[in-house]
C-alpha atoms as a PDB file:
ATOM      1  CA  MET A   1      92.584 -63.832-154.740  1.00  0.00           C
ATOM      2  CA  LYS A   2      94.004 -60.689-156.832  1.00  0.00           C
ATOM      3  CA  LEU A   3      97.544 -62.494-156.556  1.00  0.00           C
ATOM      4  CA  LEU A   4      96.074 -65.759-158.011  1.00  0.00           C
ATOM      5  CA  THR A   5      94.173 -63.859-160.790  1.00  0.00           C
ATOM      6  CA  THR A   6      97.540 -62.168-161.634  1.00  0.00           C
ATOM      7  CA  LEU A   7      99.619 -65.358-161.388  1.00  0.00           C
ATOM      8  CA  THR A   8      97.002 -67.134-163.800  1.00  0.00           C
ATOM      9  CA  ALA A   9      97.074 -64.264-166.374  1.00  0.00           C
ATOM     10  CA  SER A  10     100.855 -64.040-166.069  1.00  0.00           C
ATOM     11  CA  ALA A  11     101.464 -67.879-166.740  1.00  0.00           C
ATOM     12  CA  MET A  12      99.008 -67.991-169.686  1.00  0.00           C
ATOM     13  CA  LEU A  13     101.122 -65.402-171.385  1.00  0.00           C
ATOM     14  CA  VAL A  14     104.352 -67.151-170.761  1.00  0.00           C
ATOM     15  CA  ALA A  15     103.136 -70.590-172.133  1.00  0.00           C
ATOM     16  CA  CYS A  16     103.045 -68.836-175.622  1.00  0.00           C
ATOM     17  CA  ALA A  17     106.737 -68.579-175.473  1.00  0.00           C
ATOM     18  CA  PRO A  18     108.014 -71.865-177.578  1.00  0.00           C
ATOM     19  CA  ALA A  19     106.148 -70.817-180.748  1.00  0.00           C
ATOM     20  CA  MET A  20     107.675 -67.357-180.693  1.00  0.00           C
ATOM     21  CA  ALA A  21     110.478 -66.346-183.320  1.00  0.00           C
ATOM     22  CA  ASP A  22     109.824 -62.777-183.647  1.00  0.00           C
ATOM     23  CA  GLU A  23     112.466 -60.793-181.428  1.00  0.00           C
ATOM     24  CA  SER A  24     109.893 -58.514-180.098  1.00  0.00           C
ATOM     25  CA  ALA A  25     107.566 -61.293-179.125  1.00  0.00           C
ATOM     26  CA  LYS A  26     110.515 -62.945-177.602  1.00  0.00           C
ATOM     27  CA  LYS A  27     110.892 -60.029-175.381  1.00  0.00           C
ATOM     28  CA  GLN A  28     107.507 -59.660-174.503  1.00  0.00           C
ATOM     29  CA  VAL A  29     107.433 -63.350-173.423  1.00  0.00           C
ATOM     30  CA  CYS A  30     110.754 -62.576-171.080  1.00  0.00           C
ATOM     31  CA  TYR A  31     108.899 -59.498-169.737  1.00  0.00           C
ATOM     32  CA  GLN A  32     105.979 -61.739-168.953  1.00  0.00           C
ATOM     33  CA  ARG A  33     108.022 -64.567-167.368  1.00  0.00           C
ATOM     34  CA  ALA A  34     109.879 -61.607-165.148  1.00  0.00           C
ATOM     35  CA  ASP A  35     106.291 -60.568-164.019  1.00  0.00           C
ATOM     36  CA  ALA A  36     105.327 -64.132-163.351  1.00  0.00           C
ATOM     37  CA  ALA A  37     108.505 -64.490-161.179  1.00  0.00           C
ATOM     38  CA  ALA A  38     107.739 -61.118-159.345  1.00  0.00           C
ATOM     39  CA  THR A  39     104.377 -62.631-158.489  1.00  0.00           C
ATOM     40  CA  PHE A  40     105.931 -65.821-157.226  1.00  0.00           C
ATOM     41  CA  MET A  41     108.298 -64.087-155.021  1.00  0.00           C
ATOM     42  CA  THR A  42     105.696 -61.643-153.673  1.00  0.00           C
ATOM     43  CA  ALA A  43     103.619 -64.594-152.696  1.00  0.00           C
ATOM     44  CA  ARG A  44     106.711 -66.013-151.013  1.00  0.00           C
ATOM     45  CA  GLN A  45     107.277 -62.692-149.075  1.00  0.00           C
ATOM     46  CA  VAL A  46     103.885 -62.240-147.981  1.00  0.00           C
ATOM     47  CA  GLY A  47     103.454 -65.816-146.680  1.00  0.00           C
ATOM     48  CA  ARG A  48     101.416 -67.523-149.356  1.00  0.00           C
ATOM     49  CA  PRO A  49     101.904 -71.269-149.406  1.00  0.00           C
ATOM     50  CA  LEU A  50     103.816 -72.698-152.162  1.00  0.00           C
ATOM     51  CA  ARG A  51     100.996 -75.547-152.697  1.00  0.00           C
ATOM     52  CA  GLU A  52      98.315 -72.891-153.598  1.00  0.00           C
ATOM     53  CA  LEU A  53     100.563 -71.424-156.395  1.00  0.00           C
ATOM     54  CA  LEU A  54     101.385 -74.945-157.907  1.00  0.00           C
ATOM     55  CA  GLU A  55      97.691 -75.844-157.635  1.00  0.00           C
ATOM     56  CA  VAL A  56      96.852 -72.718-159.805  1.00  0.00           C
ATOM     57  CA  LEU A  57      99.458 -73.512-162.237  1.00  0.00           C
ATOM     58  CA  GLU A  58      98.049 -76.928-162.676  1.00  0.00           C
ATOM     59  CA  LYS A  59      94.542 -75.954-162.962  1.00  0.00           C
ATOM     60  CA  SER A  60      95.931 -73.298-165.534  1.00  0.00           C
ATOM     61  CA  ASP A  61      97.830 -76.203-167.356  1.00  0.00           C
ATOM     62  CA  MET A  62     100.924 -73.977-166.689  1.00  0.00           C
ATOM     63  CA  GLU A  63     103.136 -76.438-164.859  1.00  0.00           C
ATOM     64  CA  ASP A  64     106.014 -75.328-167.063  1.00  0.00           C
ATOM     65  CA  LEU A  65     106.457 -72.400-164.182  1.00  0.00           C
ATOM     66  CA  ASN A  66     106.637 -74.799-161.385  1.00  0.00           C
ATOM     67  CA  SER A  67     110.462 -74.671-161.099  1.00  0.00           C
ATOM     68  CA  VAL A  68     110.182 -70.728-161.251  1.00  0.00           C
ATOM     69  CA  ALA A  69     107.694 -71.005-158.418  1.00  0.00           C
ATOM     70  CA  ILE A  70     109.859 -73.573-156.446  1.00  0.00           C
ATOM     71  CA  GLU A  71     112.873 -71.595-156.828  1.00  0.00           C
ATOM     72  CA  ALA A  72     111.190 -68.431-155.501  1.00  0.00           C
ATOM     73  CA  PHE A  73     110.359 -70.295-152.504  1.00  0.00           C
ATOM     74  CA  GLN A  74     113.790 -71.296-151.638  1.00  0.00           C
ATOM     75  CA  GLN A  75     114.702 -67.700-151.334  1.00  0.00           C
ATOM     76  CA  PRO A  76     114.629 -66.086-147.830  1.00  0.00           C
ATOM     77  CA  ARG A  77     111.475 -64.382-146.449  1.00  0.00           C
ATOM     78  CA  TYR A  78     112.246 -61.180-144.949  1.00  0.00           C
ATOM     79  CA  SER A  79     110.307 -59.047-142.523  1.00  0.00           C
ATOM     80  CA  SER A  80     111.386 -55.635-143.620  1.00  0.00           C
ATOM     81  CA  SER A  81     109.136 -54.116-146.496  1.00  0.00           C
ATOM     82  CA  GLU A  82     112.595 -52.820-148.146  1.00  0.00           C
ATOM     83  CA  TYR A  83     114.416 -56.166-148.279  1.00  0.00           C
ATOM     84  CA  ARG A  84     111.011 -57.926-149.445  1.00  0.00           C
ATOM     85  CA  GLU A  85     110.795 -55.353-152.290  1.00  0.00           C
ATOM     86  CA  ASP A  86     114.609 -55.965-153.233  1.00  0.00           C
ATOM     87  CA  ALA A  87     113.919 -59.638-153.297  1.00  0.00           C
ATOM     88  CA  ILE A  88     111.098 -59.310-155.494  1.00  0.00           C
ATOM     89  CA  THR A  89     112.924 -56.920-157.827  1.00  0.00           C
ATOM     90  CA  ASP A  90     116.159 -59.000-158.070  1.00  0.00           C
ATOM     91  CA  PHE A  91     114.209 -62.321-158.626  1.00  0.00           C
ATOM     92  CA  ALA A  92     112.302 -60.997-161.304  1.00  0.00           C
ATOM     93  CA  ASN A  93     115.368 -59.406-162.931  1.00  0.00           C
ATOM     94  CA  LYS A  94     117.276 -62.582-162.556  1.00  0.00           C
ATOM     95  CA  LYS A  95     114.304 -64.414-164.316  1.00  0.00           C
ATOM     96  CA  LEU A  96     114.292 -61.920-167.152  1.00  0.00           C
ATOM     97  CA  VAL A  97     117.935 -61.950-167.863  1.00  0.00           C
ATOM     98  CA  GLU A  98     117.862 -65.825-168.267  1.00  0.00           C
ATOM     99  CA  CYS A  99     114.892 -65.744-170.556  1.00  0.00           C
ATOM    100  CA  LEU A 100     116.879 -63.018-172.770  1.00  0.00           C
ATOM    101  CA  LYS A 101     119.700 -64.984-172.749  1.00  0.00           C
ATOM    102  CA  TYR A 102     117.683 -68.262-173.747  1.00  0.00           C
ATOM    103  CA  PHE A 103     115.984 -66.681-176.429  1.00  0.00           C
ATOM    104  CA  LYS A 104     119.381 -64.635-177.424  1.00  0.00           C
ATOM    105  CA  VAL A 105     117.787 -61.476-177.485  1.00  0.00           C
ATOM    106  CA  GLU A 106     120.371 -58.594-177.095  1.00  0.00           C
ATOM    107  CA  SER A 107     118.468 -55.351-176.745  1.00  0.00           C
END
């Protein structure tokens, strides 16, 4: 349940992204998107069903994050805690870089 609460909170913050013009605000949105990506990958690595995440996103009116959740679930699931942590960090970093590039944030 805690995972779903975190997911909902992260998704709500990311939804504000399109209206942001300030560089600092764009960075914050990207950080929140990376946090949401980490939440999705954590759910993947601990065996939560994708359907559960998609339902939370739908109920929260945050379906724009569906593609990030689906992408997380297309990644391998690891049994080693070390590999799981690496997968979570790598996926969150990938989404952060994509977002920063999209908003053309340089530092």
